C-alpha cells in the first residue's frame, strides 16, 4: 500500500451532528457521548465558543440542568492549531458560533 494511502487512512475521521431546537438536550447528548468515549479510554477534548456564556463564564460546557464538562473556549476552531492531533475525539458545543466550522471539520472527515 502506498504511503499516501496509509496517511490518508490514518487521518480519516467521522463527523457526527447533534441537531435540534433550543432546549432539546443537544449539549446534554454531547456530554453523554464524550463521557462514553472517555470511558472507552479515548483521548477527548471539548471546545466551546468564547461568546457562549449562557450558564457559566468558566471553561465549561453547561446544560440547562447544570450538567457540566471541562471545555476549551475558542474564538475560532483554527485557534487550536495542531493541538487537536493529540486527541481521538473532539466535541464541539454550539458549533454555529464558529465561522470556520465547515472548512475546519470537512478535511478531517473526508
Protein backbone atom coordinates (compact mmCIF):
# COMPACT_ATOMS: atom_id res chain seq x y z
CA UNK A 1 0.00 0.00 0.00
CA UNK A 2 1.48 3.40 -0.93
CA UNK A 3 2.44 5.72 1.91
CA UNK A 4 -0.07 8.30 0.69
CA UNK A 5 -2.92 5.79 1.13
CA UNK A 6 -1.79 4.86 4.63
CA UNK A 7 -1.56 8.55 5.63
CA UNK A 8 -5.00 9.31 4.21
CA UNK A 9 -6.50 6.35 6.06
CA UNK A 10 -4.84 7.37 9.32
CA UNK A 11 -6.39 10.84 9.17
CA UNK A 12 -9.85 9.73 8.11
CA UNK A 13 -12.44 10.74 10.64
CA UNK A 14 -16.15 10.88 11.21
CA UNK A 15 -18.46 13.83 11.70
CA UNK A 16 -21.47 13.35 13.97
CA UNK A 17 -24.05 16.11 14.31
CA UNK A 18 -26.45 16.55 17.21
CA UNK A 19 -29.22 18.80 15.94
CA UNK A 20 -32.50 20.04 17.34
CA UNK A 21 -34.34 23.10 18.61
CA UNK A 22 -33.44 25.00 21.75
CA UNK A 23 -33.93 23.06 25.00
CA UNK A 24 -33.89 19.71 23.18
CA UNK A 25 -30.87 18.30 25.02
CA UNK A 26 -28.10 18.77 22.44
CA UNK A 27 -25.40 19.74 24.95
CA UNK A 28 -26.61 17.01 27.31
CA UNK A 29 -26.18 14.48 24.49
CA UNK A 30 -22.71 15.85 23.67
CA UNK A 31 -21.63 15.44 27.30
CA UNK A 32 -23.11 11.92 27.39
CA UNK A 33 -21.21 10.88 24.27
CA UNK A 34 -17.95 12.44 25.41
CA UNK A 35 -18.17 10.65 28.78
CA UNK A 36 -18.79 7.40 26.92
CA UNK A 37 -15.71 7.96 24.73
CA UNK A 38 -13.65 8.78 27.83
CA UNK A 39 -14.90 5.58 29.48
CA UNK A 40 -13.68 3.73 26.39
CA UNK A 41 -10.26 5.29 27.13
CA UNK A 42 -10.26 7.52 24.07
CA UNK A 43 -8.47 10.84 24.47
CA UNK A 44 -11.18 13.52 24.25
CA UNK A 45 -11.34 17.30 24.11
CA UNK A 46 -14.43 19.52 24.17
CA UNK A 47 -14.36 23.03 22.75
CA UNK A 48 -16.90 25.80 23.05
CA UNK A 49 -17.17 29.31 21.69
CA UNK A 50 -15.81 32.14 23.83
CA UNK A 51 -19.01 34.08 23.16
CA UNK A 52 -21.21 31.35 24.67
CA UNK A 53 -21.57 32.43 28.29
CA UNK A 54 -25.19 31.39 28.89
CA UNK A 55 -24.69 29.42 32.09
CA UNK A 56 -21.05 29.95 33.02
CA UNK A 57 -18.09 32.11 32.10
CA UNK A 58 -15.76 29.30 33.08
CA UNK A 59 -14.07 26.80 30.79
CA UNK A 60 -17.09 24.51 30.94
CA UNK A 61 -19.87 23.27 28.72
CA UNK A 62 -23.02 23.59 30.78
CA UNK A 63 -26.53 22.31 30.13
CA UNK A 64 -29.89 23.74 31.18
CA UNK A 65 -29.98 21.23 34.03
CA UNK A 66 -26.43 22.20 35.10
CA UNK A 67 -24.54 19.17 33.87
CA UNK A 68 -21.00 20.37 33.19
CA UNK A 69 -17.87 19.22 31.42
CA UNK A 70 -14.49 20.89 31.02
CA UNK A 71 -14.17 22.68 27.67
CA UNK A 72 -11.63 24.87 25.93
CA UNK A 73 -13.13 28.25 24.99
CA UNK A 74 -12.09 29.37 21.49
CA UNK A 75 -12.88 32.20 19.12
CA UNK A 76 -12.19 30.05 16.04
CA UNK A 77 -11.58 26.33 15.68
CA UNK A 78 -8.34 27.00 13.84
CA UNK A 79 -7.05 28.61 17.07
CA UNK A 80 -6.43 25.02 18.23
CA UNK A 81 -3.54 24.78 15.80
CA UNK A 82 -2.21 21.22 15.78
CA UNK A 83 -3.37 20.58 19.36
CA UNK A 84 -6.34 18.57 18.02
CA UNK A 85 -3.95 15.95 16.62
CA UNK A 86 -3.32 14.74 20.20
CA UNK A 87 -6.95 13.63 20.60
CA UNK A 88 -9.09 10.77 19.35
CA UNK A 89 -12.37 12.69 19.71
CA UNK A 90 -13.12 16.43 19.52
CA UNK A 91 -16.52 17.57 20.79
CA UNK A 92 -17.71 20.98 19.59
CA UNK A 93 -20.52 22.59 21.58
CA UNK A 94 -22.66 25.22 19.82
CA UNK A 95 -20.82 24.81 16.52
CA UNK A 96 -22.91 27.54 14.87
CA UNK A 97 -20.83 30.13 16.74
CA UNK A 98 -17.70 29.08 14.84
CA UNK A 99 -17.47 30.74 11.42
CA UNK A 100 -14.74 28.29 10.39
CA UNK A 101 -16.57 25.08 11.37
CA UNK A 102 -17.05 23.78 7.82
CA UNK A 103 -13.53 24.45 6.49
CA UNK A 104 -12.05 23.08 9.73
CA UNK A 105 -14.11 19.87 10.01
CA UNK A 106 -14.53 18.93 6.35
CA UNK A 107 -10.93 17.76 5.69
CA UNK A 108 -10.91 15.74 8.92
CA UNK A 109 -14.00 13.76 7.99
CA UNK A 110 -13.15 13.16 4.33
